[in-house]
Amino acid sequence: MENAQGYKINRYFFLAIIILLGLLLLLSLMEFFTAFLGALMFYVLCKKNMERLIKRK
């Protein structure tokens, strides 16, 4: 019984560490968020033109 409870505690401990590291990574990359949105916007706006330029007629 103690082994199963230790397994649960260990699992939740590592889950908390993974979530904490994910939040730290998110906060670190927050300054690049606007650049990512700009690149996504240019991709959406230019997608049809690029497909037309690449396609052979």
PDB file of N, CA and C in Angstrom:
ATOM      1  N   MET A   1       0.815  -1.197   0.000  1.00  0.00           N
ATOM      2  CA  MET A   1       0.000   0.000   0.000  1.00  0.00           C
ATOM      3  C   MET A   1       0.859   1.261   0.000  1.00  0.00           C
ATOM      4  N   GLU A   2       1.933   1.241   0.762  1.00  0.00           N
ATOM      5  CA  GLU A   2       2.810   2.414   0.834  1.00  0.00           C
ATOM      6  C   GLU A   2       3.505   2.654  -0.496  1.00  0.00           C
ATOM      7  N   ASN A   3       3.804   1.589  -1.225  1.00  0.00           N
ATOM      8  CA  ASN A   3       4.480   1.723  -2.504  1.00  0.00           C
ATOM      9  C   ASN A   3       3.592   2.438  -3.527  1.00  0.00           C
ATOM     10  N   ALA A   4       2.296   2.117  -3.537  1.00  0.00           N
ATOM     11  CA  ALA A   4       1.363   2.758  -4.468  1.00  0.00           C
ATOM     12  C   ALA A   4       1.210   4.237  -4.135  1.00  0.00           C
ATOM     13  N   GLN A   5       1.190   4.567  -2.859  1.00  0.00           N
ATOM     14  CA  GLN A   5       1.057   5.965  -2.459  1.00  0.00           C
ATOM     15  C   GLN A   5       2.340   6.733  -2.790  1.00  0.00           C
ATOM     16  N   GLY A   6       3.483   6.106  -2.609  1.00  0.00           N
ATOM     17  CA  GLY A   6       4.752   6.732  -2.975  1.00  0.00           C
ATOM     18  C   GLY A   6       4.846   6.964  -4.463  1.00  0.00           C
ATOM     19  N   TYR A   7       4.287   6.048  -5.235  1.00  0.00           N
ATOM     20  CA  TYR A   7       4.266   6.187  -6.691  1.00  0.00           C
ATOM     21  C   TYR A   7       3.427   7.387  -7.099  1.00  0.00           C
ATOM     22  N   LYS A   8       2.270   7.588  -6.445  1.00  0.00           N
ATOM     23  CA  LYS A   8       1.409   8.731  -6.741  1.00  0.00           C
ATOM     24  C   LYS A   8       2.104  10.044  -6.402  1.00  0.00           C
ATOM     25  N   ILE A   9       2.743  10.099  -5.260  1.00  0.00           N
ATOM     26  CA  ILE A   9       3.455  11.312  -4.845  1.00  0.00           C
ATOM     27  C   ILE A   9       4.579  11.604  -5.825  1.00  0.00           C
ATOM     28  N   ASN A  10       5.310  10.589  -6.224  1.00  0.00           N
ATOM     29  CA  ASN A  10       6.405  10.746  -7.163  1.00  0.00           C
ATOM     30  C   ASN A  10       5.884  11.238  -8.514  1.00  0.00           C
ATOM     31  N   ARG A  11       4.764  10.692  -8.965  1.00  0.00           N
ATOM     32  CA  ARG A  11       4.182  11.083 -10.246  1.00  0.00           C
ATOM     33  C   ARG A  11       3.744  12.544 -10.218  1.00  0.00           C
ATOM     34  N   TYR A  12       3.059  12.955  -9.141  1.00  0.00           N
ATOM     35  CA  TYR A  12       2.610  14.342  -9.043  1.00  0.00           C
ATOM     36  C   TYR A  12       3.776  15.304  -8.884  1.00  0.00           C
ATOM     37  N   PHE A  13       4.832  14.881  -8.235  1.00  0.00           N
ATOM     38  CA  PHE A  13       6.018  15.716  -8.075  1.00  0.00           C
ATOM     39  C   PHE A  13       6.658  15.998  -9.433  1.00  0.00           C
ATOM     40  N   PHE A  14       6.829  14.965 -10.252  1.00  0.00           N
ATOM     41  CA  PHE A  14       7.424  15.162 -11.567  1.00  0.00           C
ATOM     42  C   PHE A  14       6.490  15.930 -12.499  1.00  0.00           C
ATOM     43  N   LEU A  15       5.191  15.755 -12.364  1.00  0.00           N
ATOM     44  CA  LEU A  15       4.228  16.525 -13.144  1.00  0.00           C
ATOM     45  C   LEU A  15       4.322  18.001 -12.791  1.00  0.00           C
ATOM     46  N   ALA A  16       4.462  18.311 -11.511  1.00  0.00           N
ATOM     47  CA  ALA A  16       4.609  19.703 -11.076  1.00  0.00           C
ATOM     48  C   ALA A  16       5.903  20.309 -11.614  1.00  0.00           C
ATOM     49  N   ILE A  17       6.973  19.538 -11.643  1.00  0.00           N
ATOM     50  CA  ILE A  17       8.246  20.037 -12.179  1.00  0.00           C
ATOM     51  C   ILE A  17       8.111  20.321 -13.674  1.00  0.00           C
ATOM     52  N   ILE A  18       7.449  19.444 -14.427  1.00  0.00           N
ATOM     53  CA  ILE A  18       7.270  19.641 -15.861  1.00  0.00           C
ATOM     54  C   ILE A  18       6.419  20.882 -16.125  1.00  0.00           C
ATOM     55  N   ILE A  19       5.353  21.072 -15.360  1.00  0.00           N
ATOM     56  CA  ILE A  19       4.503  22.249 -15.531  1.00  0.00           C
ATOM     57  C   ILE A  19       5.272  23.516 -15.180  1.00  0.00           C
ATOM     58  N   LEU A  20       6.058  23.477 -14.124  1.00  0.00           N
ATOM     59  CA  LEU A  20       6.866  24.632 -13.732  1.00  0.00           C
ATOM     60  C   LEU A  20       7.882  24.994 -14.808  1.00  0.00           C
ATOM     61  N   LEU A  21       8.540  24.000 -15.388  1.00  0.00           N
ATOM     62  CA  LEU A  21       9.500  24.269 -16.457  1.00  0.00           C
ATOM     63  C   LEU A  21       8.802  24.794 -17.715  1.00  0.00           C
ATOM     64  N   GLY A  22       7.610  24.293 -18.009  1.00  0.00           N
ATOM     65  CA  GLY A  22       6.832  24.795 -19.138  1.00  0.00           C
ATOM     66  C   GLY A  22       6.451  26.255 -18.956  1.00  0.00           C
ATOM     67  N   LEU A  23       6.031  26.624 -17.752  1.00  0.00           N
ATOM     68  CA  LEU A  23       5.697  28.017 -17.477  1.00  0.00           C
ATOM     69  C   LEU A  23       6.929  28.913 -17.570  1.00  0.00           C
ATOM     70  N   LEU A  24       8.050  28.424 -17.086  1.00  0.00           N
ATOM     71  CA  LEU A  24       9.293  29.184 -17.177  1.00  0.00           C
ATOM     72  C   LEU A  24       9.685  29.404 -18.635  1.00  0.00           C
ATOM     73  N   LEU A  25       9.548  28.379 -19.454  1.00  0.00           N
ATOM     74  CA  LEU A  25       9.842  28.491 -20.881  1.00  0.00           C
ATOM     75  C   LEU A  25       8.884  29.472 -21.556  1.00  0.00           C
ATOM     76  N   LEU A  26       7.614  29.415 -21.208  1.00  0.00           N
ATOM     77  CA  LEU A  26       6.620  30.324 -21.775  1.00  0.00           C
ATOM     78  C   LEU A  26       6.934  31.767 -21.415  1.00  0.00           C
ATOM     79  N   LEU A  27       7.291  32.022 -20.181  1.00  0.00           N
ATOM     80  CA  LEU A  27       7.629  33.377 -19.766  1.00  0.00           C
ATOM     81  C   LEU A  27       8.911  33.863 -20.430  1.00  0.00           C
ATOM     82  N   SER A  28       9.847  32.977 -20.670  1.00  0.00           N
ATOM     83  CA  SER A  28      11.100  33.351 -21.320  1.00  0.00           C
ATOM     84  C   SER A  28      10.880  33.731 -22.778  1.00  0.00           C
ATOM     85  N   LEU A  29       9.957  33.045 -23.451  1.00  0.00           N
ATOM     86  CA  LEU A  29       9.726  33.269 -24.868  1.00  0.00           C
ATOM     87  C   LEU A  29       8.625  34.284 -25.148  1.00  0.00           C
ATOM     88  N   MET A  30       8.101  34.930 -24.104  1.00  0.00           N
ATOM     89  CA  MET A  30       6.991  35.864 -24.271  1.00  0.00           C
ATOM     90  C   MET A  30       7.381  37.065 -25.132  1.00  0.00           C
ATOM     91  N   GLU A  31       8.630  37.478 -25.116  1.00  0.00           N
ATOM     92  CA  GLU A  31       9.052  38.637 -25.901  1.00  0.00           C
ATOM     93  C   GLU A  31       9.046  38.342 -27.404  1.00  0.00           C
ATOM     94  N   PHE A  32       9.092  37.075 -27.787  1.00  0.00           N
ATOM     95  CA  PHE A  32       9.067  36.702 -29.197  1.00  0.00           C
ATOM     96  C   PHE A  32       7.652  36.456 -29.709  1.00  0.00           C
ATOM     97  N   PHE A  33       6.658  36.632 -28.865  1.00  0.00           N
ATOM     98  CA  PHE A  33       5.275  36.338 -29.227  1.00  0.00           C
ATOM     99  C   PHE A  33       4.793  37.223 -30.369  1.00  0.00           C
ATOM    100  N   THR A  34       5.102  38.524 -30.335  1.00  0.00           N
ATOM    101  CA  THR A  34       4.648  39.422 -31.395  1.00  0.00           C
ATOM    102  C   THR A  34       5.329  39.083 -32.720  1.00  0.00           C
ATOM    103  N   ALA A  35       6.594  38.691 -32.681  1.00  0.00           N
ATOM    104  CA  ALA A  35       7.289  38.307 -33.906  1.00  0.00           C
ATOM    105  C   ALA A  35       6.667  37.048 -34.500  1.00  0.00           C
ATOM    106  N   PHE A  36       6.293  36.107 -33.659  1.00  0.00           N
ATOM    107  CA  PHE A  36       5.645  34.893 -34.138  1.00  0.00           C
ATOM    108  C   PHE A  36       4.304  35.208 -34.780  1.00  0.00           C
ATOM    109  N   LEU A  37       3.530  36.103 -34.162  1.00  0.00           N
ATOM    110  CA  LEU A  37       2.234  36.472 -34.741  1.00  0.00           C
ATOM    111  C   LEU A  37       2.414  37.213 -36.064  1.00  0.00           C
ATOM    112  N   GLY A  38       3.444  38.046 -36.172  1.00  0.00           N
ATOM    113  CA  GLY A  38       3.718  38.732 -37.428  1.00  0.00           C
ATOM    114  C   GLY A  38       4.086  37.765 -38.528  1.00  0.00           C
ATOM    115  N   ALA A  39       4.927  36.786 -38.219  1.00  0.00           N
ATOM    116  CA  ALA A  39       5.310  35.781 -39.211  1.00  0.00           C
ATOM    117  C   ALA A  39       4.108  34.954 -39.637  1.00  0.00           C
ATOM    118  N   LEU A  40       3.247  34.613 -38.702  1.00  0.00           N
ATOM    119  CA  LEU A  40       2.033  33.870 -39.030  1.00  0.00           C
ATOM    120  C   LEU A  40       1.114  34.685 -39.935  1.00  0.00           C
ATOM    121  N   MET A  41       1.011  35.977 -39.667  1.00  0.00           N
ATOM    122  CA  MET A  41       0.178  36.852 -40.485  1.00  0.00           C
ATOM    123  C   MET A  41       0.721  36.935 -41.914  1.00  0.00           C
ATOM    124  N   PHE A  42       2.038  37.100 -42.064  1.00  0.00           N
ATOM    125  CA  PHE A  42       2.627  37.144 -43.401  1.00  0.00           C
ATOM    126  C   PHE A  42       2.447  35.818 -44.136  1.00  0.00           C
ATOM    127  N   TYR A  43       2.528  34.711 -43.422  1.00  0.00           N
ATOM    128  CA  TYR A  43       2.323  33.406 -44.040  1.00  0.00           C
ATOM    129  C   TYR A  43       0.904  33.290 -44.595  1.00  0.00           C
ATOM    130  N   VAL A  44      -0.075  33.695 -43.792  1.00  0.00           N
ATOM    131  CA  VAL A  44      -1.472  33.590 -44.216  1.00  0.00           C
ATOM    132  C   VAL A  44      -1.737  34.510 -45.393  1.00  0.00           C
ATOM    133  N   LEU A  45      -1.174  35.723 -45.368  1.00  0.00           N
ATOM    134  CA  LEU A  45      -1.428  36.675 -46.452  1.00  0.00           C
ATOM    135  C   LEU A  45      -0.747  36.280 -47.756  1.00  0.00           C
ATOM    136  N   CYS A  46       0.413  35.636 -47.679  1.00  0.00           N
ATOM    137  CA  CYS A  46       1.192  35.346 -48.887  1.00  0.00           C
ATOM    138  C   CYS A  46       1.078  33.902 -49.361  1.00  0.00           C
ATOM    139  N   LYS A  47       0.302  33.087 -48.700  1.00  0.00           N
ATOM    140  CA  LYS A  47       0.244  31.665 -49.034  1.00  0.00           C
ATOM    141  C   LYS A  47      -0.252  31.425 -50.456  1.00  0.00           C
ATOM    142  N   LYS A  48      -1.339  32.068 -50.835  1.00  0.00           N
ATOM    143  CA  LYS A  48      -1.895  31.835 -52.179  1.00  0.00           C
ATOM    144  C   LYS A  48      -0.946  32.338 -53.258  1.00  0.00           C
ATOM    145  N   ASN A  49      -0.315  33.488 -53.025  1.00  0.00           N
ATOM    146  CA  ASN A  49       0.626  34.010 -54.021  1.00  0.00           C
ATOM    147  C   ASN A  49       1.830  33.083 -54.172  1.00  0.00           C
ATOM    148  N   MET A  50       2.327  32.536 -53.079  1.00  0.00           N
ATOM    149  CA  MET A  50       3.471  31.627 -53.159  1.00  0.00           C
ATOM    150  C   MET A  50       3.090  30.342 -53.890  1.00  0.00           C
ATOM    151  N   GLU A  51       1.906  29.825 -53.632  1.00  0.00           N
ATOM    152  CA  GLU A  51       1.458  28.625 -54.343  1.00  0.00           C
ATOM    153  C   GLU A  51       1.332  28.902 -55.835  1.00  0.00           C
ATOM    154  N   ARG A  52       0.854  30.085 -56.177  1.00  0.00           N
ATOM    155  CA  ARG A  52       0.722  30.444 -57.587  1.00  0.00           C
ATOM    156  C   ARG A  52       2.093  30.588 -58.249  1.00  0.00           C
ATOM    157  N   LEU A  53       3.063  31.142 -57.527  1.00  0.00           N
ATOM    158  CA  LEU A  53       4.402  31.311 -58.082  1.00  0.00           C
ATOM    159  C   LEU A  53       5.130  29.966 -58.225  1.00  0.00           C
ATOM    160  N   ILE A  54       4.875  29.061 -57.317  1.00  0.00           N
ATOM    161  CA  ILE A  54       5.564  27.770 -57.346  1.00  0.00           C
ATOM    162  C   ILE A  54       4.958  26.849 -58.410  1.00  0.00           C
ATOM    163  N   LYS A  55       3.646  26.911 -58.577  1.00  0.00           N
ATOM    164  CA  LYS A  55       2.948  26.022 -59.501  1.00  0.00           C
ATOM    165  C   LYS A  55       3.384  26.312 -60.946  1.00  0.00           C
ATOM    166  N   ARG A  56       3.673  25.264 -61.671  1.00  0.00           N
ATOM    167  CA  ARG A  56       4.046  25.423 -63.081  1.00  0.00           C
ATOM    168  C   ARG A  56       2.799  25.427 -63.934  1.00  0.00           C
ATOM    169  N   LYS A  57       2.821  26.292 -64.898  1.00  0.00           N
ATOM    170  CA  LYS A  57       1.657  26.385 -65.794  1.00  0.00           C
ATOM    171  C   LYS A  57       1.983  25.802 -67.135  1.00  0.00           C
TER     172      LYS A  57
END
